[in-house]
């Protein structure tokens, strides 16, 4: 292993004690609390998903205090899963932590072995190749979860394909593909071919996501920022028109647009 400078951490002992405290509390809750005793790995799954989205919201808001809280909620879930698995003699928290440590070491041979990787892209390519060997996947795309939302799945598919060299050379080439897909969608939509237009619209979105990647833009984050911007402006439209004694459901589009333009300036 290459010599790595250890990060100075005066609070390491405090961190270990805090983690031990959480493990102890989890033991107590599992033994004494009627609700916690009743839970199963399956029963808290939907709660974990909810907590993950709450963390995502806090990150998008750049609210570090809320991020701290949401990380705590997710950490609780990780400890909870490990405790329930330990009861089934499947694995415990030590197995979980050792497993991720082993994985990180194995997937960073440029740090822990003699492989050279001098830039981010080389690291990503090594990562994907190692994952393919580890999991025994027959396809590079085999590790993309089926249940991922479509937009995020597109991002991961493209990243994995790039990891083994299947990618465009220049973003201008990708934009050319975007323009091609726009025309193909327009042709099918104008022809009234709904099924084919839907397919072409999917191709267009995939190409736009691809171009965003080349432009250094995360399309999921970009779309969510636009969602939030729309909500803020629409809320302004609702509140300000109400102050003026108007019912939004009875307003014309032209009347609404007056408030919308004002909202854009805020």
Protein backbone atom coordinates (compact mmCIF):
# COMPACT_ATOMS: atom_id res chain seq x y z
CA UNK A 1 0.00 0.00 0.00
CA UNK A 2 1.19 3.50 -0.82
CA UNK A 3 2.05 5.68 2.14
CA UNK A 4 -0.96 7.84 2.97
CA UNK A 5 -0.86 10.76 5.37
CA UNK A 6 -3.35 10.21 8.15
CA UNK A 7 -5.86 12.97 8.57
CA UNK A 8 -5.42 14.56 12.01
CA UNK A 9 -8.61 14.12 13.99
CA UNK A 10 -8.66 15.34 17.57
CA UNK A 11 -12.30 14.26 17.93
CA UNK A 12 -11.88 10.66 16.75
CA UNK A 13 -12.50 9.27 20.25
CA UNK A 14 -15.61 11.43 20.65
CA UNK A 15 -16.92 10.18 17.31
CA UNK A 16 -16.39 6.55 18.31
CA UNK A 17 -18.14 7.16 21.63
CA UNK A 18 -21.07 8.83 19.86
CA UNK A 19 -21.46 5.85 17.53
CA UNK A 20 -21.25 3.44 20.47
CA UNK A 21 -23.95 5.48 22.21
CA UNK A 22 -26.27 5.12 19.21
CA UNK A 23 -25.66 1.35 19.09
CA UNK A 24 -26.49 1.13 22.81
CA UNK A 25 -29.68 3.15 22.41
CA UNK A 26 -30.71 0.94 19.50
CA UNK A 27 -30.24 -2.14 21.70
CA UNK A 28 -32.38 -0.57 24.41
CA UNK A 29 -35.15 0.46 22.02
CA UNK A 30 -35.23 -2.94 20.36
CA UNK A 31 -35.59 -4.61 23.75
CA UNK A 32 -37.94 -2.19 25.51
CA UNK A 33 -39.95 -0.05 23.06
CA UNK A 34 -43.20 -1.69 21.78
CA UNK A 35 -42.96 0.10 18.41
CA UNK A 36 -39.27 -0.62 17.82
CA UNK A 37 -39.68 -4.26 18.88
CA UNK A 38 -42.40 -4.74 16.28
CA UNK A 39 -40.46 -3.41 13.28
CA UNK A 40 -38.95 -5.58 10.54
CA UNK A 41 -36.50 -4.87 7.74
CA UNK A 42 -39.45 -4.62 5.37
CA UNK A 43 -41.58 -2.37 7.60
CA UNK A 44 -39.10 0.50 7.82
CA UNK A 45 -38.10 0.42 4.15
CA UNK A 46 -40.57 3.14 3.12
CA UNK A 47 -39.42 5.29 6.04
CA UNK A 48 -35.82 5.01 4.86
CA UNK A 49 -36.86 6.17 1.38
CA UNK A 50 -38.69 9.14 2.93
CA UNK A 51 -35.66 10.07 5.03
CA UNK A 52 -33.44 9.92 1.95
CA UNK A 53 -35.67 12.38 0.11
CA UNK A 54 -35.69 14.67 3.15
CA UNK A 55 -31.88 14.64 3.11
CA UNK A 56 -31.99 15.42 -0.60
CA UNK A 57 -34.22 18.44 0.09
CA UNK A 58 -31.84 19.72 2.77
CA UNK A 59 -28.89 19.36 0.40
CA UNK A 60 -30.68 21.28 -2.36
CA UNK A 61 -31.47 24.03 0.16
CA UNK A 62 -27.83 24.01 1.31
CA UNK A 63 -29.16 23.86 4.88
CA UNK A 64 -26.24 22.33 6.79
CA UNK A 65 -28.11 22.17 10.09
CA UNK A 66 -30.96 20.27 8.44
CA UNK A 67 -28.44 18.03 6.65
CA UNK A 68 -26.96 17.18 10.06
CA UNK A 69 -30.39 16.18 11.37
CA UNK A 70 -31.31 14.13 8.32
CA UNK A 71 -27.97 12.31 8.36
CA UNK A 72 -28.78 11.33 11.93
CA UNK A 73 -32.15 9.93 10.86
CA UNK A 74 -30.53 7.89 8.09
CA UNK A 75 -27.78 6.70 10.43
CA UNK A 76 -30.47 5.48 12.81
CA UNK A 77 -31.99 3.44 9.99
CA UNK A 78 -28.63 1.89 9.10
CA UNK A 79 -28.10 0.87 12.72
CA UNK A 80 -31.68 -0.44 12.88
CA UNK A 81 -31.24 -2.66 9.81
CA UNK A 82 -27.95 -4.02 11.10
CA UNK A 83 -29.47 -4.79 14.52
CA UNK A 84 -32.38 -6.70 12.97
CA UNK A 85 -30.03 -8.64 10.70
CA UNK A 86 -27.87 -9.48 13.73
CA UNK A 87 -30.95 -10.95 15.44
CA UNK A 88 -31.33 -13.23 12.42
CA UNK A 89 -27.61 -14.10 12.64
CA UNK A 90 -27.13 -12.79 9.10
CA UNK A 91 -24.67 -9.94 9.75
CA UNK A 92 -24.02 -7.15 12.24
CA UNK A 93 -22.79 -3.55 12.13
CA UNK A 94 -19.15 -4.65 12.21
CA UNK A 95 -19.77 -6.75 9.08
CA UNK A 96 -21.40 -3.75 7.38
CA UNK A 97 -18.52 -1.40 8.18
CA UNK A 98 -15.81 -3.92 7.37
CA UNK A 99 -17.57 -4.69 4.10
CA UNK A 100 -17.64 -1.09 2.93
CA UNK A 101 -14.04 -0.57 4.06
CA UNK A 102 -12.91 -3.63 2.08
CA UNK A 103 -14.86 -2.41 -0.94
CA UNK A 104 -13.29 1.04 -0.82
CA UNK A 105 -9.80 -0.40 -0.58
CA UNK A 106 -10.44 -2.79 -3.46
CA UNK A 107 -11.93 -0.09 -5.67
CA UNK A 108 -9.09 2.39 -5.06
CA UNK A 109 -6.07 0.44 -6.28
CA UNK A 110 -4.43 3.75 -7.19
CA UNK A 111 -4.29 4.44 -3.44
CA UNK A 112 -3.89 1.00 -1.90
CA UNK A 113 -1.99 -0.81 -4.67
CA UNK A 114 0.23 0.01 -7.63
CA UNK A 115 -2.36 1.06 -10.22
CA UNK A 116 -1.92 4.51 -11.73
CA UNK A 117 -4.91 6.87 -11.99
CA UNK A 118 -3.94 10.49 -12.35
CA UNK A 119 -7.34 12.06 -13.06
CA UNK A 120 -11.00 11.69 -12.17
CA UNK A 121 -11.94 9.89 -15.38
CA UNK A 122 -9.28 7.23 -14.87
CA UNK A 123 -10.59 6.64 -11.36
CA UNK A 124 -14.17 6.24 -12.67
CA UNK A 125 -13.08 3.81 -15.37
CA UNK A 126 -11.19 1.67 -12.86
CA UNK A 127 -14.18 1.76 -10.52
CA UNK A 128 -16.61 0.45 -13.12
CA UNK A 129 -14.26 -2.29 -14.30
CA UNK A 130 -13.64 -3.47 -10.74
CA UNK A 131 -17.40 -3.44 -9.98
CA UNK A 132 -18.02 -5.58 -13.05
CA UNK A 133 -15.54 -8.19 -11.79
CA UNK A 134 -16.79 -8.07 -8.19
CA UNK A 135 -20.45 -8.60 -8.92
CA UNK A 136 -20.01 -10.98 -11.80
CA UNK A 137 -22.43 -8.93 -13.90
CA UNK A 138 -22.72 -10.03 -17.49
CA UNK A 139 -23.37 -6.42 -18.48
CA UNK A 140 -21.75 -3.14 -17.53
CA UNK A 141 -25.30 -1.86 -16.95
CA UNK A 142 -26.26 -4.77 -14.71
CA UNK A 143 -25.59 -2.74 -11.57
CA UNK A 144 -28.16 -0.04 -12.35
CA UNK A 145 -31.18 -0.60 -10.05
CA UNK A 146 -34.43 -1.20 -11.93
CA UNK A 147 -36.39 0.91 -9.44
CA UNK A 148 -34.37 4.10 -9.95
CA UNK A 149 -36.41 7.06 -11.23
CA UNK A 150 -36.02 7.26 -15.00
CA UNK A 151 -34.04 10.51 -15.06
CA UNK A 152 -31.51 9.33 -12.48
CA UNK A 153 -31.33 5.94 -14.19
CA UNK A 154 -30.39 7.65 -17.46
CA UNK A 155 -27.57 9.47 -15.72
CA UNK A 156 -26.21 6.26 -14.20
CA UNK A 157 -26.53 4.34 -17.49
CA UNK A 158 -24.52 6.98 -19.31
CA UNK A 159 -21.89 7.18 -16.57
CA UNK A 160 -21.41 3.42 -16.61
CA UNK A 161 -21.16 3.28 -20.39
CA UNK A 162 -18.57 6.07 -20.29
CA UNK A 163 -16.65 4.12 -17.65
CA UNK A 164 -15.76 1.49 -20.26
CA UNK A 165 -15.13 3.99 -23.06
CA UNK A 166 -18.53 3.95 -24.81
CA UNK A 167 -19.13 7.68 -25.20
CA UNK A 168 -18.97 10.65 -27.53
CA UNK A 169 -15.67 12.48 -27.95
CA UNK A 170 -16.99 16.05 -28.00
CA UNK A 171 -20.09 17.75 -26.65
CA UNK A 172 -20.72 19.25 -30.10
CA UNK A 173 -21.42 15.73 -31.32
CA UNK A 174 -23.91 15.26 -28.51
CA UNK A 175 -25.67 18.52 -29.36
CA UNK A 176 -25.95 17.36 -32.94
CA UNK A 177 -27.75 14.28 -31.61
CA UNK A 178 -30.07 16.50 -29.54
CA UNK A 179 -31.02 18.48 -32.65
CA UNK A 180 -31.58 15.25 -34.56
CA UNK A 181 -33.87 13.91 -31.84
CA UNK A 182 -35.81 17.20 -31.69
CA UNK A 183 -36.58 16.92 -35.39
CA UNK A 184 -37.54 13.25 -35.14
CA UNK A 185 -39.89 13.97 -32.23
CA UNK A 186 -41.42 16.93 -34.05
CA UNK A 187 -42.02 14.82 -37.17
CA UNK A 188 -43.80 12.02 -35.28
CA UNK A 189 -45.78 14.39 -33.06
CA UNK A 190 -47.03 16.43 -36.00
CA UNK A 191 -47.99 13.21 -37.77
CA UNK A 192 -50.17 12.29 -34.80
CA UNK A 193 -48.27 9.07 -34.12
CA UNK A 194 -48.56 9.09 -30.32
CA UNK A 195 -46.66 5.87 -29.65
CA UNK A 196 -43.73 6.81 -31.88
CA UNK A 197 -43.74 10.41 -30.62
CA UNK A 198 -43.49 9.10 -27.05
CA UNK A 199 -40.51 6.98 -28.02
CA UNK A 200 -38.82 9.90 -29.76
CA UNK A 201 -39.49 12.17 -26.79
CA UNK A 202 -37.69 9.64 -24.60
CA UNK A 203 -34.76 9.66 -27.03
CA UNK A 204 -34.72 13.47 -26.90
CA UNK A 205 -34.65 13.52 -23.09
CA UNK A 206 -31.87 10.92 -23.04
CA UNK A 207 -29.83 13.05 -25.44
CA UNK A 208 -30.40 16.20 -23.37
CA UNK A 209 -29.26 14.38 -20.24
CA UNK A 210 -26.20 13.24 -22.17
CA UNK A 211 -25.42 16.80 -23.23
CA UNK A 212 -25.90 18.06 -19.67
CA UNK A 213 -23.26 15.56 -18.55
CA UNK A 214 -20.80 16.91 -21.11
CA UNK A 215 -21.62 20.46 -19.99
CA UNK A 216 -20.93 19.60 -16.36
CA UNK A 217 -24.58 20.00 -15.35
CA UNK A 218 -26.45 17.53 -13.14
CA UNK A 219 -29.85 17.31 -14.90
CA UNK A 220 -31.64 16.06 -11.78
CA UNK A 221 -30.45 19.07 -9.78
CA UNK A 222 -31.18 21.43 -12.66
CA UNK A 223 -34.75 20.16 -13.03
CA UNK A 224 -35.39 20.31 -9.29
CA UNK A 225 -34.18 23.92 -9.16
CA UNK A 226 -36.61 24.73 -11.95
CA UNK A 227 -39.40 22.94 -10.05
CA UNK A 228 -38.69 25.04 -6.96
CA UNK A 229 -38.52 28.23 -9.03
CA UNK A 230 -41.88 27.46 -10.63
CA UNK A 231 -43.47 26.72 -7.25
CA UNK A 232 -42.15 29.97 -5.78
CA UNK A 233 -43.46 32.04 -8.70
CA UNK A 234 -46.82 30.26 -8.78
CA UNK A 235 -47.23 30.77 -5.02
CA UNK A 236 -46.59 34.47 -5.60
CA UNK A 237 -49.22 34.53 -8.33
CA UNK A 238 -51.75 32.92 -5.99
CA UNK A 239 -51.06 35.09 -2.95
CA UNK A 240 -50.79 38.43 -4.76
CA UNK A 241 -53.86 37.91 -6.91
CA UNK A 242 -55.79 36.92 -3.79
CA UNK A 243 -54.72 40.18 -2.13
CA UNK A 244 -56.22 41.97 -5.13
CA UNK A 245 -59.52 40.15 -4.60
CA UNK A 246 -59.15 37.85 -7.59
CA UNK A 247 -59.86 34.13 -7.88
CA UNK A 248 -57.08 32.40 -9.80
CA UNK A 249 -59.52 29.91 -11.31
CA UNK A 250 -61.47 32.82 -12.84
CA UNK A 251 -58.48 34.78 -14.19
CA UNK A 252 -57.41 34.80 -17.82
CA UNK A 253 -53.94 33.67 -18.81
CA UNK A 254 -53.08 37.28 -19.65
CA UNK A 255 -54.07 38.40 -16.14
CA UNK A 256 -52.03 35.63 -14.56
CA UNK A 257 -49.04 36.53 -16.69
CA UNK A 258 -48.92 40.03 -15.15
CA UNK A 259 -48.28 38.51 -11.72
CA UNK A 260 -45.93 35.92 -13.20
CA UNK A 261 -43.71 38.62 -14.68
CA UNK A 262 -43.61 40.38 -11.31
CA UNK A 263 -42.65 37.11 -9.62
CA UNK A 264 -39.73 36.68 -12.01
CA UNK A 265 -38.23 39.93 -10.72
CA UNK A 266 -38.22 38.86 -7.07
